[in-house]
Structure formats: C-alpha cells, structure tokens
C-alpha cells in the first residue's frame, strides 16, 4: 500500500482551516485537477458526510465516493473510500495550532489493487495527490508553505 504525506503551515487558525477543509465542495476551486466534489450530509451521523470525487489522473478520470468524518474537538478529518477506482483509499487531515497559525498534516494510504501496474500507477498517483493537496492549500490559505519553511516576511532585514 502506498502512502502520500504532506505537511504545510498556514497563517490561519486551526478552526478557520478546519471549517474550510470540512466544506469539501470547495476543493475544485483550489485544485485544478479536482473536477468535482459532490457532498451529501449524513442526517443520521452528525459530523459525517459522503462525498463523490472526480479527479483528473494521467489521461483519464479517477472516481470514488468516500465517507468523511469531521472531529472538531481533535481538529481532524478522517476519510475512507466506500466505492470507486481504488481498491483501498483512506486518510486524514490533522490540524495543530502553531505560533504562526496552523500546521496541516495530510496523509492518504491507497492501493489500486493492480499488482502488475503498481510500479507505474502508485508513484504517479502519489505525486498527483500531493501536488493537488499542495496547490489547493496554497490557493486556499494565506502564507501556505512547507513545514519548516520560514514565512516570506520573516528573516528580512
């Protein structure tokens, strides 16, 4: 199983970031390869929804639906595919307050289930996933930068 991980810092508060990320339908506006996200709230499970995703990948489109669970107390969003093009797809967004705002840690574990194509598909999918997440966060949030990077205004004399 392949794992894609990315950690960025942003200038907003964790609560603001969680509110934005929890509205999954906002992703297409911030990540060009995300063609659509349709979200349906689960009335029987507060804090949970099912989202349908269409994402450009190589010369086609990946489609899947996932169950998303927002845990506001722990500043976390967990997701797991219910149906779609992956054999397995799950992960999380974990937020943490830092002096300059918020640290966002994205982790996704996935497997297409096609052993003969794993060496070709898995690295490409990991790269596309990380690129899309980085582009979305950079577009969405002020001062988005890799963890460990110095903010643009800092360090200047």
N, C-alpha and C. Protein backbone atom coordinates (compact mmCIF):
# COMPACT_ATOMS: atom_id res chain seq x y z
N UNK A 1 0.86 -1.18 0.00
CA UNK A 1 0.00 0.00 0.00
C UNK A 1 0.89 1.23 0.00
N UNK A 2 0.54 2.19 -0.80
CA UNK A 2 1.31 3.43 -0.94
C UNK A 2 0.77 4.46 0.06
N UNK A 3 1.64 5.34 0.53
CA UNK A 3 1.24 6.39 1.47
C UNK A 3 1.75 7.73 0.95
N UNK A 4 0.85 8.69 0.84
CA UNK A 4 1.21 10.06 0.47
C UNK A 4 1.05 10.93 1.70
N UNK A 5 2.10 11.66 2.04
CA UNK A 5 2.07 12.53 3.22
C UNK A 5 2.57 13.91 2.84
N UNK A 6 1.95 14.91 3.45
CA UNK A 6 2.32 16.29 3.18
C UNK A 6 2.00 17.12 4.41
N UNK A 7 2.94 17.98 4.82
CA UNK A 7 2.71 18.87 5.95
C UNK A 7 3.02 20.30 5.53
N UNK A 8 2.04 21.18 5.74
CA UNK A 8 2.21 22.59 5.41
C UNK A 8 1.81 23.44 6.59
N UNK A 9 2.32 24.65 6.61
CA UNK A 9 1.94 25.65 7.60
C UNK A 9 1.15 26.74 6.89
N UNK A 10 0.14 27.28 7.56
CA UNK A 10 -0.64 28.40 7.04
C UNK A 10 -0.84 29.42 8.14
N UNK A 11 -1.20 30.63 7.76
CA UNK A 11 -1.32 31.72 8.73
C UNK A 11 -2.67 31.77 9.44
N UNK A 12 -3.66 30.99 8.99
CA UNK A 12 -4.97 31.00 9.62
C UNK A 12 -4.99 30.13 10.88
N UNK A 13 -6.06 30.29 11.66
CA UNK A 13 -6.22 29.48 12.87
C UNK A 13 -6.69 28.07 12.49
N UNK A 14 -6.42 27.08 13.33
CA UNK A 14 -6.91 25.73 13.04
C UNK A 14 -8.42 25.67 12.85
N UNK A 15 -9.19 26.45 13.62
CA UNK A 15 -10.65 26.42 13.47
C UNK A 15 -11.06 26.92 12.09
N UNK A 16 -10.43 27.99 11.60
CA UNK A 16 -10.74 28.51 10.26
C UNK A 16 -10.37 27.49 9.18
N UNK A 17 -9.23 26.85 9.34
CA UNK A 17 -8.78 25.86 8.36
C UNK A 17 -9.71 24.65 8.37
N UNK A 18 -10.09 24.20 9.54
CA UNK A 18 -10.98 23.05 9.63
C UNK A 18 -12.32 23.36 8.98
N UNK A 19 -12.86 24.55 9.24
CA UNK A 19 -14.13 24.93 8.61
C UNK A 19 -14.03 24.90 7.08
N UNK A 20 -12.92 25.43 6.55
CA UNK A 20 -12.75 25.45 5.10
C UNK A 20 -12.60 24.04 4.54
N UNK A 21 -11.72 23.23 5.13
CA UNK A 21 -11.48 21.88 4.63
C UNK A 21 -12.70 20.99 4.78
N UNK A 22 -13.49 21.22 5.82
CA UNK A 22 -14.69 20.41 6.04
C UNK A 22 -15.72 20.63 4.94
N UNK A 23 -15.65 21.78 4.26
CA UNK A 23 -16.52 22.04 3.12
C UNK A 23 -15.82 21.51 1.88
N UNK A 24 -15.87 20.20 1.70
CA UNK A 24 -15.13 19.53 0.63
C UNK A 24 -15.50 20.04 -0.76
N UNK A 25 -16.69 20.58 -0.90
CA UNK A 25 -17.11 21.06 -2.21
C UNK A 25 -16.27 22.25 -2.68
N UNK A 26 -15.46 22.82 -1.80
CA UNK A 26 -14.58 23.92 -2.18
C UNK A 26 -13.31 23.49 -2.91
N UNK A 27 -12.99 22.22 -2.89
CA UNK A 27 -11.73 21.76 -3.49
C UNK A 27 -11.59 22.08 -4.98
N UNK A 28 -12.61 21.89 -5.82
CA UNK A 28 -12.42 22.18 -7.25
C UNK A 28 -11.98 23.63 -7.53
N UNK A 29 -12.36 24.56 -6.70
CA UNK A 29 -11.97 25.96 -6.90
C UNK A 29 -10.50 26.19 -6.59
N UNK A 30 -9.87 25.27 -5.88
CA UNK A 30 -8.49 25.47 -5.44
C UNK A 30 -7.50 24.46 -6.00
N UNK A 31 -7.98 23.38 -6.58
CA UNK A 31 -7.10 22.35 -7.15
C UNK A 31 -7.58 22.03 -8.56
N UNK A 32 -6.84 22.46 -9.58
CA UNK A 32 -7.33 22.34 -10.95
C UNK A 32 -7.62 20.90 -11.41
N UNK A 33 -6.93 19.92 -10.87
CA UNK A 33 -7.18 18.53 -11.28
C UNK A 33 -8.43 17.93 -10.63
N UNK A 34 -8.96 18.59 -9.61
CA UNK A 34 -10.19 18.11 -8.99
C UNK A 34 -11.34 18.68 -9.81
N UNK A 35 -11.98 17.80 -10.56
CA UNK A 35 -13.05 18.24 -11.47
C UNK A 35 -14.35 18.52 -10.74
N UNK A 36 -14.68 17.66 -9.76
CA UNK A 36 -15.91 17.91 -8.99
C UNK A 36 -15.88 17.15 -7.68
N UNK A 37 -16.59 17.72 -6.72
CA UNK A 37 -16.83 17.07 -5.43
C UNK A 37 -18.28 17.36 -5.07
N UNK A 38 -19.06 16.31 -4.90
CA UNK A 38 -20.46 16.45 -4.52
C UNK A 38 -20.60 15.87 -3.12
N UNK A 39 -21.11 16.68 -2.20
CA UNK A 39 -21.18 16.28 -0.79
C UNK A 39 -22.63 16.12 -0.35
N UNK A 40 -22.90 15.01 0.33
CA UNK A 40 -24.22 14.77 0.93
C UNK A 40 -24.02 14.53 2.42
N UNK A 41 -24.64 15.36 3.24
CA UNK A 41 -24.55 15.19 4.69
C UNK A 41 -25.29 13.94 5.11
N UNK A 42 -24.80 13.28 6.15
CA UNK A 42 -25.47 12.10 6.67
C UNK A 42 -26.33 12.54 7.86
N UNK A 43 -27.66 12.63 7.69
CA UNK A 43 -28.51 13.13 8.77
C UNK A 43 -28.51 12.23 10.00
N UNK A 44 -28.16 10.98 9.84
CA UNK A 44 -28.14 10.05 10.97
C UNK A 44 -26.82 10.06 11.72
N UNK A 45 -25.80 10.70 11.14
CA UNK A 45 -24.48 10.74 11.77
C UNK A 45 -23.95 12.17 11.71
N UNK A 46 -24.24 12.97 12.73
CA UNK A 46 -23.74 14.36 12.74
C UNK A 46 -22.21 14.37 12.60
N UNK A 47 -21.72 15.31 11.80
CA UNK A 47 -20.28 15.41 11.58
C UNK A 47 -19.76 14.51 10.48
N UNK A 48 -20.66 13.73 9.86
CA UNK A 48 -20.24 12.84 8.78
C UNK A 48 -20.97 13.19 7.49
N UNK A 49 -20.28 12.93 6.39
CA UNK A 49 -20.86 13.13 5.07
C UNK A 49 -20.30 12.08 4.12
N UNK A 50 -20.92 11.98 2.97
CA UNK A 50 -20.39 11.15 1.90
C UNK A 50 -20.12 12.09 0.73
N UNK A 51 -18.90 12.01 0.20
CA UNK A 51 -18.53 12.89 -0.90
C UNK A 51 -18.14 12.06 -2.12
N UNK A 52 -18.58 12.52 -3.27
CA UNK A 52 -18.24 11.89 -4.54
C UNK A 52 -17.21 12.75 -5.26
N UNK A 53 -16.08 12.15 -5.62
CA UNK A 53 -14.96 12.87 -6.21
C UNK A 53 -14.72 12.44 -7.65
N UNK A 54 -14.34 13.41 -8.49
CA UNK A 54 -13.82 13.16 -9.83
C UNK A 54 -12.55 13.97 -9.97
N UNK A 55 -11.43 13.27 -10.23
CA UNK A 55 -10.12 13.91 -10.28
C UNK A 55 -9.40 13.48 -11.55
N UNK A 56 -8.85 14.45 -12.26
CA UNK A 56 -8.07 14.15 -13.47
C UNK A 56 -6.81 13.39 -13.05
N UNK A 57 -6.56 12.27 -13.73
CA UNK A 57 -5.36 11.47 -13.46
C UNK A 57 -4.84 10.89 -14.76
N UNK A 58 -3.61 11.26 -15.10
CA UNK A 58 -2.98 10.83 -16.35
C UNK A 58 -3.88 11.24 -17.52
N UNK A 59 -4.39 10.31 -18.29
CA UNK A 59 -5.24 10.69 -19.42
C UNK A 59 -6.70 10.37 -19.16
N UNK A 60 -7.08 10.22 -17.90
CA UNK A 60 -8.45 9.87 -17.58
C UNK A 60 -8.93 10.54 -16.31
N UNK A 61 -9.93 9.95 -15.73
CA UNK A 61 -10.54 10.49 -14.51
C UNK A 61 -10.67 9.40 -13.47
N UNK A 62 -10.21 9.68 -12.25
CA UNK A 62 -10.44 8.80 -11.11
C UNK A 62 -11.76 9.21 -10.47
N UNK A 63 -12.57 8.22 -10.10
CA UNK A 63 -13.84 8.50 -9.43
C UNK A 63 -13.94 7.63 -8.19
N UNK A 64 -14.44 8.22 -7.12
CA UNK A 64 -14.69 7.45 -5.91
C UNK A 64 -15.65 8.21 -5.01
N UNK A 65 -16.26 7.49 -4.10
CA UNK A 65 -17.04 8.12 -3.04
C UNK A 65 -16.39 7.73 -1.73
N UNK A 66 -16.42 8.66 -0.80
CA UNK A 66 -15.78 8.41 0.49
C UNK A 66 -16.67 8.91 1.61
N UNK A 67 -16.52 8.28 2.76
CA UNK A 67 -17.17 8.75 3.98
C UNK A 67 -16.18 9.67 4.67
N UNK A 68 -16.64 10.86 5.03
CA UNK A 68 -15.80 11.87 5.67
C UNK A 68 -16.34 12.15 7.07
N UNK A 69 -15.44 12.16 8.03
CA UNK A 69 -15.85 12.40 9.42
C UNK A 69 -15.04 13.57 9.97
N UNK A 70 -15.74 14.63 10.38
CA UNK A 70 -15.10 15.81 10.95
C UNK A 70 -15.15 15.71 12.47
N UNK A 71 -13.97 15.77 13.09
CA UNK A 71 -13.84 15.74 14.55
C UNK A 71 -13.30 17.10 14.98
N UNK A 72 -14.22 18.01 15.27
CA UNK A 72 -13.82 19.39 15.60
C UNK A 72 -13.02 19.47 16.89
N UNK A 73 -13.34 18.65 17.85
CA UNK A 73 -12.62 18.68 19.13
C UNK A 73 -11.14 18.35 18.95
N UNK A 74 -10.84 17.41 18.07
CA UNK A 74 -9.46 16.99 17.84
C UNK A 74 -8.85 17.58 16.57
N UNK A 75 -9.55 18.53 15.95
CA UNK A 75 -9.06 19.22 14.76
C UNK A 75 -8.62 18.23 13.68
N UNK A 76 -9.54 17.33 13.34
CA UNK A 76 -9.20 16.23 12.44
C UNK A 76 -10.36 15.89 11.51
N UNK A 77 -10.01 15.52 10.29
CA UNK A 77 -10.97 14.99 9.33
C UNK A 77 -10.43 13.65 8.86
N UNK A 78 -11.23 12.61 9.00
CA UNK A 78 -10.85 11.28 8.51
C UNK A 78 -11.72 10.94 7.31
N UNK A 79 -11.15 10.22 6.36
CA UNK A 79 -11.91 9.81 5.18
C UNK A 79 -11.55 8.38 4.80
N UNK A 80 -12.52 7.69 4.22
CA UNK A 80 -12.31 6.32 3.74
C UNK A 80 -13.23 6.07 2.56
N UNK A 81 -12.65 5.53 1.49
CA UNK A 81 -13.44 5.24 0.30
C UNK A 81 -14.51 4.21 0.60
N UNK A 82 -15.71 4.46 0.08
CA UNK A 82 -16.79 3.48 0.15
C UNK A 82 -16.94 2.73 -1.16
N UNK A 83 -16.64 3.42 -2.27
CA UNK A 83 -16.78 2.82 -3.59
C UNK A 83 -15.91 3.62 -4.55
N UNK A 84 -15.33 2.94 -5.56
CA UNK A 84 -14.59 3.69 -6.55
C UNK A 84 -13.42 2.98 -7.17
N UNK A 85 -12.55 3.77 -7.78
CA UNK A 85 -11.46 3.24 -8.60
C UNK A 85 -10.29 2.66 -7.80
N UNK A 86 -10.17 3.01 -6.55
CA UNK A 86 -9.12 2.42 -5.72
C UNK A 86 -9.63 1.11 -5.13
N UNK A 87 -8.73 0.20 -4.86
CA UNK A 87 -9.12 -0.96 -4.06
C UNK A 87 -9.20 -0.53 -2.60
N UNK A 88 -8.30 0.40 -2.23
CA UNK A 88 -8.27 0.91 -0.86
C UNK A 88 -7.83 2.37 -0.91
N UNK A 89 -8.55 3.23 -0.20
CA UNK A 89 -8.19 4.65 -0.13
C UNK A 89 -8.74 5.19 1.18
N UNK A 90 -7.84 5.67 2.04
CA UNK A 90 -8.25 6.25 3.32
C UNK A 90 -7.18 7.22 3.78
N UNK A 91 -7.55 8.08 4.69
CA UNK A 91 -6.56 9.01 5.21
C UNK A 91 -7.15 10.02 6.16
N UNK A 92 -6.39 11.10 6.36
CA UNK A 92 -6.82 12.11 7.32
C UNK A 92 -6.16 13.45 7.06
N UNK A 93 -6.81 14.46 7.61
CA UNK A 93 -6.27 15.81 7.72
C UNK A 93 -6.16 16.05 9.22
N UNK A 94 -4.96 16.28 9.72
CA UNK A 94 -4.77 16.57 11.14
C UNK A 94 -4.23 17.98 11.27
N UNK A 95 -4.91 18.80 12.05
CA UNK A 95 -4.51 20.20 12.23
C UNK A 95 -3.94 20.38 13.62
N UNK A 96 -3.00 21.32 13.71
CA UNK A 96 -2.38 21.61 15.01
C UNK A 96 -2.04 23.09 15.05
N UNK A 97 -2.39 23.72 16.17
CA UNK A 97 -2.06 25.13 16.34
C UNK A 97 -0.56 25.27 16.54
N UNK A 98 0.03 26.23 15.84
CA UNK A 98 1.45 26.57 15.99
C UNK A 98 1.52 28.08 16.15
N UNK A 99 2.65 28.62 16.64
CA UNK A 99 2.73 30.07 16.87
C UNK A 99 2.37 30.92 15.66
N UNK A 100 2.68 30.45 14.46
CA UNK A 100 2.41 31.26 13.27
C UNK A 100 1.04 30.99 12.66
N UNK A 101 0.23 30.10 13.26
CA UNK A 101 -1.09 29.80 12.71
C UNK A 101 -1.47 28.34 12.88
N UNK A 102 -1.35 27.57 11.78
CA UNK A 102 -1.83 26.19 11.80
C UNK A 102 -0.91 25.29 10.98
N UNK A 103 -0.62 24.14 11.52
CA UNK A 103 0.07 23.10 10.77
C UNK A 103 -0.99 22.15 10.24
N UNK A 104 -0.92 21.84 8.96
CA UNK A 104 -1.86 20.92 8.31
C UNK A 104 -1.07 19.69 7.89
N UNK A 105 -1.45 18.55 8.39
CA UNK A 105 -0.79 17.30 8.00
C UNK A 105 -1.82 16.44 7.27
N UNK A 106 -1.53 16.15 6.01
CA UNK A 106 -2.38 15.32 5.18
C UNK A 106 -1.70 13.97 4.98
N UNK A 107 -2.46 12.90 5.21
CA UNK A 107 -1.95 11.54 5.00
C UNK A 107 -3.02 10.75 4.24
N UNK A 108 -2.61 10.08 3.19
CA UNK A 108 -3.52 9.21 2.45
C UNK A 108 -2.81 7.89 2.14
N UNK A 109 -3.49 6.79 2.41
CA UNK A 109 -2.99 5.45 2.08
C UNK A 109 -3.88 4.90 0.98
N UNK A 110 -3.27 4.36 -0.06
CA UNK A 110 -4.07 3.90 -1.18
C UNK A 110 -3.43 2.70 -1.87
N UNK A 111 -4.28 1.98 -2.58
CA UNK A 111 -3.86 0.82 -3.37
C UNK A 111 -4.86 0.66 -4.50
N UNK A 112 -4.37 0.60 -5.72
CA UNK A 112 -5.26 0.39 -6.87
C UNK A 112 -5.65 -1.07 -7.01
N UNK A 113 -4.87 -1.96 -6.38
CA UNK A 113 -5.19 -3.38 -6.46
C UNK A 113 -4.78 -4.04 -7.75
N UNK A 114 -3.92 -3.39 -8.52
CA UNK A 114 -3.43 -3.97 -9.77
C UNK A 114 -1.92 -4.14 -9.63
N UNK A 115 -1.50 -5.30 -9.15
CA UNK A 115 -0.10 -5.54 -8.83
C UNK A 115 0.81 -5.28 -10.02
N UNK A 116 0.41 -5.70 -11.20
CA UNK A 116 1.26 -5.56 -12.39
C UNK A 116 1.49 -4.11 -12.79
N UNK A 117 0.63 -3.20 -12.36
CA UNK A 117 0.77 -1.78 -12.71
C UNK A 117 1.19 -0.92 -11.52
N UNK A 118 1.40 -1.52 -10.36
CA UNK A 118 1.68 -0.75 -9.15
C UNK A 118 2.91 0.14 -9.29
N UNK A 119 3.97 -0.38 -9.92
CA UNK A 119 5.19 0.43 -10.05
C UNK A 119 4.98 1.65 -10.94
N UNK A 120 4.03 1.60 -11.83
CA UNK A 120 3.74 2.72 -12.71
C UNK A 120 2.69 3.65 -12.11
N UNK A 121 1.57 3.08 -11.65
CA UNK A 121 0.44 3.89 -11.18
C UNK A 121 0.67 4.51 -9.80
N UNK A 122 1.19 3.73 -8.85
CA UNK A 122 1.28 4.21 -7.47
C UNK A 122 2.15 5.47 -7.31
N UNK A 123 3.36 5.51 -7.88
CA UNK A 123 4.15 6.74 -7.74
C UNK A 123 3.49 7.94 -8.43
N UNK A 124 2.86 7.70 -9.59
CA UNK A 124 2.18 8.79 -10.29
C UNK A 124 1.00 9.30 -9.47
N UNK A 125 0.22 8.38 -8.90
CA UNK A 125 -0.92 8.78 -8.08
C UNK A 125 -0.46 9.52 -6.84
N UNK A 126 0.61 9.07 -6.21
CA UNK A 126 1.13 9.77 -5.03
C UNK A 126 1.54 11.19 -5.39
N UNK A 127 2.24 11.36 -6.50
CA UNK A 127 2.68 12.68 -6.94
C UNK A 127 1.47 13.59 -7.24
N UNK A 128 0.48 13.07 -7.96
CA UNK A 128 -0.72 13.86 -8.29
C UNK A 128 -1.47 14.25 -7.02
N UNK A 129 -1.60 13.31 -6.10
CA UNK A 129 -2.30 13.58 -4.85
C UNK A 129 -1.60 14.68 -4.05
N UNK A 130 -0.29 14.55 -3.88
CA UNK A 130 0.46 15.55 -3.13
C UNK A 130 0.46 16.91 -3.84
N UNK A 131 0.60 16.90 -5.16
CA UNK A 131 0.58 18.17 -5.91
C UNK A 131 -0.78 18.86 -5.78
N UNK A 132 -1.86 18.09 -5.89
CA UNK A 132 -3.20 18.67 -5.77
C UNK A 132 -3.45 19.24 -4.38
N UNK A 133 -3.03 18.51 -3.36
CA UNK A 133 -3.21 19.00 -1.99
C UNK A 133 -2.39 20.26 -1.77
N UNK A 134 -1.14 20.26 -2.21
CA UNK A 134 -0.28 21.44 -2.04
C UNK A 134 -0.86 22.64 -2.79
N UNK A 135 -1.32 22.43 -4.04
CA UNK A 135 -1.91 23.53 -4.81
C UNK A 135 -3.18 24.06 -4.15
N UNK A 136 -4.01 23.15 -3.67
CA UNK A 136 -5.26 23.57 -3.02
C UNK A 136 -4.96 24.40 -1.78
N UNK A 137 -4.06 23.92 -0.94
CA UNK A 137 -3.76 24.65 0.30
C UNK A 137 -3.10 25.98 0.03
N UNK A 138 -2.22 26.02 -0.97
CA UNK A 138 -1.55 27.28 -1.32
C UNK A 138 -2.55 28.30 -1.86
N UNK A 139 -3.52 27.84 -2.61
CA UNK A 139 -4.55 28.72 -3.15
C UNK A 139 -5.54 29.16 -2.07
N UNK A 140 -5.85 28.26 -1.16
CA UNK A 140 -6.92 28.45 -0.19
C UNK A 140 -6.51 29.32 0.99
N UNK A 141 -5.28 29.12 1.47
CA UNK A 141 -4.89 29.71 2.76
C UNK A 141 -3.70 30.66 2.63
N UNK A 142 -3.74 31.72 3.44
CA UNK A 142 -2.69 32.72 3.44
C UNK A 142 -1.38 32.14 3.98
N UNK A 143 -0.30 32.45 3.27
CA UNK A 143 1.03 32.08 3.74
C UNK A 143 1.33 30.60 3.73
N UNK A 144 0.61 29.82 2.94
CA UNK A 144 0.86 28.37 2.91
C UNK A 144 2.29 28.10 2.46
N UNK A 145 2.97 27.25 3.23
CA UNK A 145 4.36 26.92 2.95
C UNK A 145 4.68 25.57 3.58
N UNK A 146 5.68 24.89 3.05
CA UNK A 146 6.05 23.59 3.64
C UNK A 146 6.45 23.76 5.10
N UNK A 147 6.15 22.78 5.93
CA UNK A 147 6.56 22.81 7.33
C UNK A 147 8.07 22.96 7.39
N UNK A 148 8.54 23.83 8.28
CA UNK A 148 9.97 24.07 8.40
C UNK A 148 10.43 25.27 7.57
N UNK A 149 9.60 25.75 6.67
CA UNK A 149 9.96 26.92 5.85
C UNK A 149 9.74 28.21 6.66
N UNK A 150 10.54 29.19 6.39
CA UNK A 150 10.41 30.48 7.08
C UNK A 150 9.38 31.31 6.31
N UNK A 151 8.43 31.95 7.02
CA UNK A 151 7.47 32.82 6.33
C UNK A 151 8.19 33.88 5.50
N UNK A 152 7.61 34.31 4.40
CA UNK A 152 8.24 35.24 3.47
C UNK A 152 8.70 36.52 4.14
N UNK A 153 7.93 37.06 5.09
CA UNK A 153 8.28 38.32 5.73
C UNK A 153 9.36 38.14 6.80
N UNK A 154 9.51 36.92 7.31
CA UNK A 154 10.49 36.69 8.38
C UNK A 154 11.89 36.62 7.79
N UNK A 155 12.84 36.98 8.58
CA UNK A 155 14.23 36.85 8.18
C UNK A 155 14.72 37.97 7.26
N UNK A 156 13.85 38.88 6.88
CA UNK A 156 14.29 40.01 6.04
C UNK A 156 14.74 41.16 6.92
N UNK A 157 15.81 41.84 6.52
CA UNK A 157 16.26 43.00 7.29
C UNK A 157 15.87 44.28 6.62
